[in-house]
Amino acid sequence: MLLTFLITCKSSIESQKNVAYLYANTTETQVLPSKIYHISASQSRLFLDVPKDLIYFDSTEVANILVTTRLSSDFKAQKLLWTVTDTFAVRNKTGDVIYKQILDIAEGNDYYLHISLSSPLQPRVLNKTINVYKSDAYNDQNYLLTNAQGTLLFNSYASVGTRLWVHYRGNTKAENALYKGNRYVQEYLPALPPFITDKNRPLPSQPDSTWEFNKSFTLTNEALYTFRASNTIKGGISVISVSGDYPKLTHIESLIGALRYITRNEEYENLIQAKSNGEKAAKSAIDDFWLARAGSFDRGKVLIKTFYSRVQNANSYFSTYQEGWKSDRGVLYIIYGPPNEVYKTSYGERWVYTQLDLLDRMPLSFNFTQVSNDFSSQHYQLYRQAYYEMSWHECVGAWRKGIIKNVR
């Protein structure tokens, strides 16, 4: 409990702005998808995917956007190393608005990059802070993935059949770079409930296949792929190869798998058995499960829509080297709903639920530590506590009774 207190105090000091809108499934949610790419020991390139529906154009169909970037060695930006301002014009007839900027960032340390976008017609300033990992030349920020058209892959997933070009430390398509690829076909298990404190799910271990390739490679089947420069010994960049309409769930396996958290063992086994009898039987079994929870067809539709919308959102927000719904944040998002308060901290994120209507009537707080590993620099690991068991069972029990907690 002492550690929890210390973490909570730290987060409240360092991040007082509630950014729950990031996971609220509104137009604001898409604010500034970003990528930082280290092109050399002294420079990095910033990419911003600016949503068109958040840009306000003048009478000539042009928007002049001011971009301010500040680099600091601390989360609160009290120790600024530099500030850079830049202006770029966007025409309403253009497609995706991708902003690029080369920044002077020295190798050897990790930093925080604070980004602000504004314009005379824009009603609010768009802000984002991202971690810059430049203490080594191996992590995924030293890599860039593009498709055949040269479009940058902002997400950590791509469709089966996509051909990807791998870039390392500023090299281009024309360079004769050699890379090592690993493919992990085995299924990654979903995160455990938050009250199980003795273990987290292990990282992927041995790849199913390993090969070398020059510059580009096609994702041939559903799997986790990792790529790294052949002259490096660790690190790299990962991408999940998906089919269907991911982040939506379209496969029966995933539709059933996501129900594991709210089903009893025998119920889940029955769903698995139904899957072996064909897709039609599996879909019928899923419908029967929800109808038993809801008590009516109309209520069942509401439950199904809410539950699988949360699963889809979890995939959109939290996918890294695993599907987002299987991550620590994804599991809580599905069962508890979108957090009412989110605070960015120097170590990760703190989520607070204030509208769960739990029996003890107390706000519920979860702390996530951002952990960089060989698969991703965006892995968030939950600080687990036995204290969460009562709230977990209460929220799972609500789902099983056809009650949706924390409706947003």
Protein backbone atom coordinates (compact mmCIF):
# COMPACT_ATOMS: atom_id res chain seq x y z
CA MET A 1 0.00 0.00 0.00
CA LEU A 2 2.91 2.35 0.69
CA LEU A 3 4.16 1.97 -2.89
CA THR A 4 0.69 2.78 -4.19
CA PHE A 5 0.61 5.91 -2.04
CA LEU A 6 3.99 7.04 -3.31
CA ILE A 7 3.02 6.44 -6.94
CA THR A 8 -0.28 8.28 -6.50
CA CYS A 9 1.41 11.27 -4.90
CA LYS A 10 4.03 11.36 -7.64
CA SER A 11 1.45 11.31 -10.42
CA SER A 12 -0.71 14.02 -8.81
CA ILE A 13 2.33 16.29 -8.57
CA GLU A 14 3.62 15.71 -12.08
CA SER A 15 0.40 15.55 -14.08
CA GLN A 16 -2.61 17.55 -12.98
CA LYS A 17 -4.36 17.67 -16.36
CA ASN A 18 -7.09 15.10 -16.94
CA VAL A 19 -6.61 13.64 -20.44
CA ALA A 20 -9.36 11.02 -20.28
CA TYR A 21 -10.58 12.31 -23.66
CA LEU A 22 -7.73 10.31 -25.22
CA TYR A 23 -9.69 7.12 -24.57
CA ALA A 24 -13.23 8.50 -24.71
CA ASN A 25 -13.95 7.51 -28.34
CA THR A 26 -14.69 11.04 -29.51
CA THR A 27 -13.16 13.14 -32.29
CA GLU A 28 -10.65 14.42 -29.74
CA THR A 29 -9.39 10.89 -29.27
CA GLN A 30 -7.46 11.11 -32.54
CA VAL A 31 -5.43 14.14 -31.51
CA LEU A 32 -1.92 13.97 -32.93
CA PRO A 33 -0.94 10.41 -33.74
CA SER A 34 2.84 10.74 -33.72
CA LYS A 35 6.13 9.04 -34.44
CA ILE A 36 9.64 10.03 -33.44
CA TYR A 37 12.38 8.55 -35.62
CA HIS A 38 16.08 8.86 -34.80
CA ILE A 39 17.89 9.45 -38.07
CA SER A 40 21.37 9.95 -36.59
CA ALA A 41 23.22 10.37 -33.31
CA SER A 42 22.38 14.08 -33.28
CA GLN A 43 19.01 14.40 -35.06
CA SER A 44 15.52 12.91 -34.98
CA ARG A 45 12.51 13.41 -37.23
CA LEU A 46 9.06 14.08 -35.82
CA PHE A 47 5.96 12.93 -37.72
CA LEU A 48 2.46 14.12 -36.82
CA ASP A 49 -0.73 12.79 -38.41
CA VAL A 50 -3.02 15.78 -37.97
CA PRO A 51 -6.74 14.80 -38.22
CA LYS A 52 -8.46 16.92 -40.89
CA ASP A 53 -11.65 17.22 -38.80
CA LEU A 54 -9.66 19.09 -36.14
CA ILE A 55 -8.34 21.71 -38.59
CA TYR A 56 -10.28 24.94 -39.13
CA PHE A 57 -9.86 26.46 -42.58
CA ASP A 58 -10.31 30.11 -43.50
CA SER A 59 -12.42 31.48 -46.37
CA THR A 60 -9.68 30.58 -48.86
CA GLU A 61 -9.70 26.92 -47.67
CA VAL A 62 -6.26 27.31 -46.09
CA ALA A 63 -5.22 26.75 -42.48
CA ASN A 64 -1.97 28.17 -41.10
CA ILE A 65 -0.85 25.98 -38.21
CA LEU A 66 1.77 26.90 -35.64
CA VAL A 67 3.76 23.95 -34.28
CA THR A 68 5.74 24.46 -31.07
CA THR A 69 8.06 21.71 -29.88
CA ARG A 70 9.91 21.82 -26.57
CA LEU A 71 12.51 19.30 -25.46
CA SER A 72 13.05 18.76 -21.75
CA SER A 73 14.83 16.34 -19.47
CA ASP A 74 11.89 16.28 -17.03
CA PHE A 75 8.22 15.43 -17.39
CA LYS A 76 6.94 18.84 -16.23
CA ALA A 77 9.12 20.70 -18.79
CA GLN A 78 10.78 22.76 -16.07
CA LYS A 79 14.22 21.94 -17.45
CA LEU A 80 13.89 22.94 -21.08
CA LEU A 81 16.76 22.19 -23.43
CA TRP A 82 15.29 24.09 -26.37
CA THR A 83 12.09 25.39 -27.96
CA VAL A 84 11.41 25.32 -31.73
CA THR A 85 8.48 26.98 -33.52
CA ASP A 86 7.42 26.28 -37.08
CA THR A 87 4.45 27.27 -39.26
CA PHE A 88 2.98 25.24 -42.09
CA ALA A 89 0.00 25.80 -44.37
CA VAL A 90 -2.61 23.16 -45.13
CA ARG A 91 -5.09 23.30 -47.99
CA ASN A 92 -8.51 21.75 -47.54
CA LYS A 93 -8.17 19.76 -50.78
CA THR A 94 -5.16 17.79 -49.57
CA GLY A 95 -5.50 14.24 -48.22
CA ASP A 96 -3.91 13.16 -44.97
CA VAL A 97 -2.05 15.96 -43.24
CA ILE A 98 1.37 14.61 -42.26
CA TYR A 99 3.66 17.14 -40.62
CA LYS A 100 7.42 16.43 -40.60
CA GLN A 101 10.16 18.22 -38.72
CA ILE A 102 13.83 17.46 -38.11
CA LEU A 103 14.89 18.18 -34.53
CA ASP A 104 18.31 18.38 -32.89
CA ILE A 105 18.23 15.67 -30.22
CA ALA A 106 21.55 14.33 -28.96
CA GLU A 107 22.16 10.66 -28.34
CA GLY A 108 22.96 9.38 -24.86
CA ASN A 109 19.89 10.37 -22.83
CA ASP A 110 16.11 10.00 -22.74
CA TYR A 111 13.89 13.08 -23.01
CA TYR A 112 10.34 14.39 -23.15
CA LEU A 113 9.08 16.14 -26.28
CA HIS A 114 6.19 18.54 -25.65
CA ILE A 115 4.18 19.37 -28.78
CA SER A 116 1.55 22.07 -29.29
CA LEU A 117 -0.49 22.86 -32.41
CA SER A 118 -2.51 26.04 -32.74
CA SER A 119 -3.96 28.37 -35.36
CA PRO A 120 -5.89 31.67 -35.33
CA LEU A 121 -9.17 29.88 -36.13
CA GLN A 122 -8.64 26.86 -33.90
CA PRO A 123 -10.75 27.03 -30.72
CA ARG A 124 -8.21 25.16 -28.62
CA VAL A 125 -4.56 24.21 -28.58
CA LEU A 126 -3.75 20.58 -29.34
CA ASN A 127 -1.09 19.27 -26.96
CA LYS A 128 0.86 16.06 -26.68
CA THR A 129 3.91 14.88 -24.75
CA ILE A 130 5.88 11.91 -26.01
CA ASN A 131 8.82 10.03 -24.56
CA VAL A 132 12.02 10.24 -26.58
CA TYR A 133 14.30 7.24 -26.04
CA LYS A 134 17.73 8.20 -27.29
CA SER A 135 19.89 6.48 -24.72
CA ASP A 136 20.53 3.63 -27.17
CA ALA A 137 20.49 2.91 -30.91
CA TYR A 138 18.41 -0.27 -30.68
CA ASN A 139 14.88 0.61 -29.53
CA ASP A 140 11.94 0.96 -31.93
CA GLN A 141 12.31 4.74 -32.26
CA ASN A 142 15.41 4.06 -34.35
CA TYR A 143 13.19 2.35 -36.93
CA LEU A 144 10.50 3.39 -39.38
CA LEU A 145 8.04 1.26 -41.36
CA THR A 146 6.50 2.44 -44.65
CA ASN A 147 4.34 0.74 -47.25
CA ALA A 148 4.81 0.50 -51.03
CA GLN A 149 3.47 4.04 -51.47
CA GLY A 150 5.95 5.40 -48.93
CA THR A 151 3.20 6.03 -46.37
CA LEU A 152 4.38 5.90 -42.78
CA LEU A 153 2.88 3.22 -40.55
CA PHE A 154 1.77 5.04 -37.38
CA ASN A 155 -0.01 2.01 -35.94
CA SER A 156 1.63 -1.16 -34.64
CA TYR A 157 -0.48 -3.36 -36.93
CA ALA A 158 -0.91 -3.89 -40.68
CA SER A 159 -3.01 -6.16 -42.88
CA VAL A 160 -1.86 -9.55 -44.08
CA GLY A 161 -0.34 -9.12 -47.55
CA THR A 162 1.10 -5.68 -46.84
CA ARG A 163 4.64 -5.15 -48.07
CA LEU A 164 6.64 -3.09 -45.61
CA TRP A 165 9.92 -1.24 -46.05
CA VAL A 166 12.11 -1.11 -42.97
CA HIS A 167 14.23 1.98 -42.32
CA TYR A 168 16.94 2.16 -39.67
CA ARG A 169 18.71 5.31 -38.49
CA GLY A 170 17.91 7.40 -41.56
CA ASN A 171 18.53 4.94 -44.38
CA THR A 172 16.30 5.05 -47.47
CA LYS A 173 14.64 2.57 -49.86
CA ALA A 174 17.59 2.93 -52.22
CA GLU A 175 20.17 1.75 -49.70
CA ASN A 176 21.20 -1.89 -49.68
CA ALA A 177 20.35 -2.50 -46.02
CA LEU A 178 20.09 -6.00 -44.58
CA TYR A 179 17.61 -6.87 -41.83
CA LYS A 180 16.78 -9.83 -39.65
CA GLY A 181 13.14 -10.83 -39.32
CA ASN A 182 11.42 -12.95 -36.67
CA ARG A 183 7.90 -14.31 -36.83
CA TYR A 184 5.92 -15.39 -33.76
CA VAL A 185 2.84 -17.34 -34.80
CA GLN A 186 1.84 -18.60 -31.36
CA GLU A 187 -1.10 -16.85 -29.74
CA TYR A 188 -0.30 -14.29 -27.07
CA LEU A 189 -2.37 -14.88 -23.94
CA PRO A 190 -4.64 -12.11 -22.57
CA ALA A 191 -3.60 -10.18 -19.49
CA LEU A 192 -4.53 -11.56 -16.10
CA PRO A 193 -7.12 -9.86 -13.86
CA PRO A 194 -5.66 -6.90 -11.90
CA PHE A 195 -5.82 -8.59 -8.49
CA ILE A 196 -3.47 -11.44 -9.49
CA THR A 197 -0.24 -10.02 -8.12
CA ASP A 198 2.31 -12.81 -8.44
CA LYS A 199 2.91 -12.66 -12.19
CA ASN A 200 2.44 -10.89 -15.51
CA ARG A 201 2.14 -12.56 -18.87
CA PRO A 202 5.63 -13.34 -20.24
CA LEU A 203 6.99 -11.72 -23.37
CA PRO A 204 7.14 -13.79 -26.57
CA SER A 205 10.07 -16.19 -26.31
CA GLN A 206 11.35 -18.17 -29.28
CA PRO A 207 10.28 -17.12 -32.80
CA ASP A 208 8.67 -19.71 -35.07
CA SER A 209 10.88 -18.62 -37.95
CA THR A 210 13.87 -16.35 -38.53
CA TRP A 211 15.31 -15.03 -41.79
CA GLU A 212 17.30 -12.20 -43.35
CA PHE A 213 15.98 -9.88 -46.04
CA ASN A 214 16.92 -6.78 -47.95
CA LYS A 215 14.91 -3.59 -47.31
CA SER A 216 11.35 -4.94 -47.55
CA PHE A 217 9.21 -7.90 -46.61
CA THR A 218 5.59 -9.01 -47.10
CA LEU A 219 3.45 -9.97 -44.11
CA THR A 220 2.32 -13.41 -45.22
CA ASN A 221 0.09 -14.55 -42.35
CA GLU A 222 -1.39 -13.46 -39.03
CA ALA A 223 1.48 -13.24 -36.57
CA LEU A 224 3.77 -10.95 -34.62
CA TYR A 225 6.72 -9.82 -36.75
CA THR A 226 9.88 -8.16 -35.47
CA PHE A 227 12.57 -6.54 -37.60
CA ARG A 228 16.03 -5.29 -36.70
CA ALA A 229 19.13 -4.29 -38.56
CA SER A 230 21.38 -7.31 -39.08
CA ASN A 231 24.38 -5.48 -37.66
CA THR A 232 22.64 -4.96 -34.30
CA ILE A 233 22.31 -7.52 -31.52
CA LYS A 234 19.03 -6.50 -29.88
CA GLY A 235 15.98 -4.27 -30.09
CA GLY A 236 14.12 -3.58 -33.34
CA ILE A 237 10.54 -2.77 -34.27
CA SER A 238 7.42 -4.94 -34.11
CA VAL A 239 4.19 -5.10 -36.10
CA ILE A 240 1.13 -7.32 -35.75
CA SER A 241 -0.10 -8.76 -39.03
CA VAL A 242 -3.91 -8.83 -38.94
CA SER A 243 -6.73 -9.79 -41.27
CA GLY A 244 -10.34 -8.70 -41.47
CA ASP A 245 -11.32 -5.24 -40.27
CA TYR A 246 -8.95 -4.94 -37.31
CA PRO A 247 -9.23 -3.16 -34.87
CA LYS A 248 -12.78 -4.53 -35.17
CA LEU A 249 -13.21 -8.17 -34.18
CA THR A 250 -14.36 -10.28 -37.11
CA HIS A 251 -12.87 -13.69 -36.30
CA ILE A 252 -14.90 -16.11 -34.21
CA GLU A 253 -11.75 -16.92 -32.19
CA SER A 254 -11.41 -13.30 -31.06
CA LEU A 255 -15.14 -12.80 -30.48
CA ILE A 256 -15.07 -15.78 -28.12
CA GLY A 257 -11.65 -15.02 -26.67
CA ALA A 258 -12.67 -11.56 -25.48
CA LEU A 259 -15.49 -13.17 -23.47
CA ARG A 260 -13.02 -15.07 -21.30
CA TYR A 261 -13.11 -12.40 -18.61
CA ILE A 262 -16.86 -12.59 -18.02
CA THR A 263 -17.55 -16.30 -18.56
CA ARG A 264 -17.36 -19.21 -16.16
CA ASN A 265 -15.07 -22.07 -17.14
CA GLU A 266 -17.87 -24.31 -18.34
CA GLU A 267 -19.46 -21.47 -20.34
CA TYR A 268 -16.19 -20.70 -22.07
CA GLU A 269 -15.59 -24.37 -22.83
CA ASN A 270 -19.07 -24.57 -24.37
CA LEU A 271 -18.26 -21.61 -26.61
CA ILE A 272 -15.00 -23.25 -27.70
CA GLN A 273 -16.89 -26.47 -28.42
CA ALA A 274 -19.47 -24.56 -30.49
CA LYS A 275 -16.63 -23.08 -32.55
CA SER A 276 -15.52 -26.59 -33.50
CA ASN A 277 -18.99 -27.14 -34.97
CA GLY A 278 -18.62 -24.27 -37.42
CA GLU A 279 -18.95 -20.50 -37.56
CA LYS A 280 -22.76 -20.52 -37.59
CA ALA A 281 -22.90 -22.64 -34.43
CA ALA A 282 -20.31 -20.42 -32.74
CA LYS A 283 -22.21 -17.21 -33.53
CA SER A 284 -25.41 -18.80 -32.25
CA ALA A 285 -23.66 -19.77 -29.01
CA ILE A 286 -22.34 -16.22 -28.56
CA ASP A 287 -25.85 -14.81 -29.10
CA ASP A 288 -27.28 -17.30 -26.60
CA PHE A 289 -24.69 -16.26 -24.00
CA TRP A 290 -25.61 -12.59 -24.31
CA LEU A 291 -29.34 -13.26 -24.43
CA ALA A 292 -29.07 -15.17 -21.14
CA ARG A 293 -27.37 -12.13 -19.61
CA ALA A 294 -29.80 -9.57 -21.06
CA GLY A 295 -33.15 -11.31 -20.77
CA SER A 296 -34.40 -9.71 -23.98
CA PHE A 297 -33.28 -9.39 -27.58
CA ASP A 298 -33.14 -5.57 -27.53
CA ARG A 299 -31.13 -5.45 -24.32
CA GLY A 300 -28.83 -8.14 -25.71
CA LYS A 301 -28.05 -5.92 -28.72
CA VAL A 302 -27.09 -3.08 -26.36
CA LEU A 303 -24.78 -5.33 -24.34
CA ILE A 304 -23.11 -6.78 -27.43
CA LYS A 305 -22.61 -3.35 -29.01
CA THR A 306 -21.13 -1.86 -25.83
CA PHE A 307 -18.88 -4.81 -25.03
CA TYR A 308 -17.39 -5.24 -28.48
CA SER A 309 -17.10 -1.47 -29.00
CA ARG A 310 -14.88 -1.44 -25.94
CA VAL A 311 -12.86 -4.33 -27.37
CA GLN A 312 -12.46 -2.46 -30.67
CA ASN A 313 -11.43 0.74 -28.89
CA ALA A 314 -8.93 -1.20 -26.79
CA ASN A 315 -7.38 -2.50 -30.02
CA SER A 316 -7.23 1.03 -31.43
CA TYR A 317 -5.66 2.60 -28.33
CA PHE A 318 -3.46 -0.09 -26.81
CA SER A 319 -2.11 -2.42 -29.54
CA THR A 320 1.66 -2.95 -29.39
CA TYR A 321 3.19 -6.38 -29.94
CA GLN A 322 -0.16 -7.87 -28.94
CA GLU A 323 -3.78 -7.03 -29.66
CA GLY A 324 -4.90 -4.13 -27.51
CA TRP A 325 -7.73 -6.05 -25.83
CA LYS A 326 -5.20 -8.50 -24.41
CA SER A 327 -3.09 -5.80 -22.72
CA ASP A 328 -3.34 -4.63 -19.10
CA ARG A 329 -4.95 -1.35 -20.13
CA GLY A 330 -7.23 -3.10 -22.62
CA VAL A 331 -8.60 -5.55 -20.07
CA LEU A 332 -9.49 -2.78 -17.63
CA TYR A 333 -11.00 -0.67 -20.42
CA ILE A 334 -13.33 -3.53 -21.38
CA ILE A 335 -14.45 -4.54 -17.89
CA TYR A 336 -14.51 -1.16 -16.12
CA GLY A 337 -15.12 1.05 -19.15
CA PRO A 338 -13.28 4.21 -20.27
CA PRO A 339 -11.55 5.81 -17.28
CA ASN A 340 -13.12 9.01 -15.95
CA GLU A 341 -9.70 10.54 -15.32
CA VAL A 342 -6.33 9.85 -16.94
CA TYR A 343 -3.13 11.50 -15.81
CA LYS A 344 0.13 11.20 -17.69
CA THR A 345 3.04 10.68 -15.34
CA SER A 346 6.80 10.51 -15.60
CA TYR A 347 6.59 6.74 -15.30
CA GLY A 348 3.42 6.06 -17.34
CA GLU A 349 -0.27 6.66 -16.66
CA ARG A 350 -2.72 6.76 -13.78
CA TRP A 351 -6.37 5.92 -14.37
CA VAL A 352 -9.14 6.94 -11.98
CA TYR A 353 -12.72 5.67 -12.02
CA THR A 354 -15.21 7.88 -10.20
CA GLN A 355 -18.53 6.72 -11.72
CA LEU A 356 -18.50 2.94 -11.30
CA ASP A 357 -21.11 3.04 -8.53
CA LEU A 358 -19.23 0.40 -6.55
CA LEU A 359 -20.43 -0.85 -3.20
CA ASP A 360 -17.73 1.01 -1.26
CA ARG A 361 -18.47 4.24 -3.21
CA MET A 362 -14.75 5.02 -3.40
CA PRO A 363 -12.87 6.15 -6.53
CA LEU A 364 -10.72 3.41 -8.01
CA SER A 365 -7.18 4.17 -9.19
CA PHE A 366 -4.88 2.09 -11.40
CA ASN A 367 -1.21 2.83 -12.09
CA PHE A 368 0.58 1.75 -15.27
CA THR A 369 4.34 1.85 -15.80
CA GLN A 370 5.61 2.41 -19.34
CA VAL A 371 8.14 -0.35 -19.95
CA SER A 372 10.45 -0.41 -22.95
CA ASN A 373 11.45 -3.87 -24.18
CA ASP A 374 12.77 -5.52 -27.33
CA PHE A 375 9.27 -5.54 -28.83
CA SER A 376 7.94 -2.06 -28.06
CA SER A 377 8.68 1.16 -26.21
CA GLN A 378 4.93 1.59 -25.63
CA HIS A 379 4.22 -1.37 -23.34
CA TYR A 380 2.31 -0.33 -20.20
CA GLN A 381 2.37 -2.71 -17.24
CA LEU A 382 -0.21 -2.53 -14.46
CA TYR A 383 0.87 -2.28 -10.83
CA ARG A 384 -1.24 -5.14 -9.52
CA GLN A 385 -2.91 -5.30 -6.11
CA ALA A 386 -5.11 -7.80 -4.30
CA TYR A 387 -7.21 -4.76 -3.39
CA TYR A 388 -8.76 -4.81 -6.89
CA GLU A 389 -10.41 -8.23 -6.46
CA MET A 390 -13.70 -6.92 -5.01
CA SER A 391 -14.20 -4.28 -7.71
CA TRP A 392 -13.26 -6.75 -10.45
CA HIS A 393 -15.80 -9.33 -9.37
CA GLU A 394 -18.42 -6.62 -8.92
CA CYS A 395 -17.93 -5.29 -12.46
CA VAL A 396 -17.74 -8.77 -14.01
CA GLY A 397 -20.90 -9.66 -12.07
CA ALA A 398 -22.60 -6.58 -13.49
CA TRP A 399 -21.83 -7.72 -17.05
CA ARG A 400 -23.24 -11.13 -16.23
CA LYS A 401 -26.45 -9.52 -14.99
CA GLY A 402 -26.79 -7.40 -18.11
CA ILE A 403 -25.69 -4.20 -16.36
CA ILE A 404 -23.16 -1.86 -17.98
CA LYS A 405 -20.96 -0.02 -15.53
CA ASN A 406 -19.51 3.41 -16.29
CA VAL A 407 -21.57 4.19 -19.39
CA ARG A 408 -19.96 7.08 -21.35
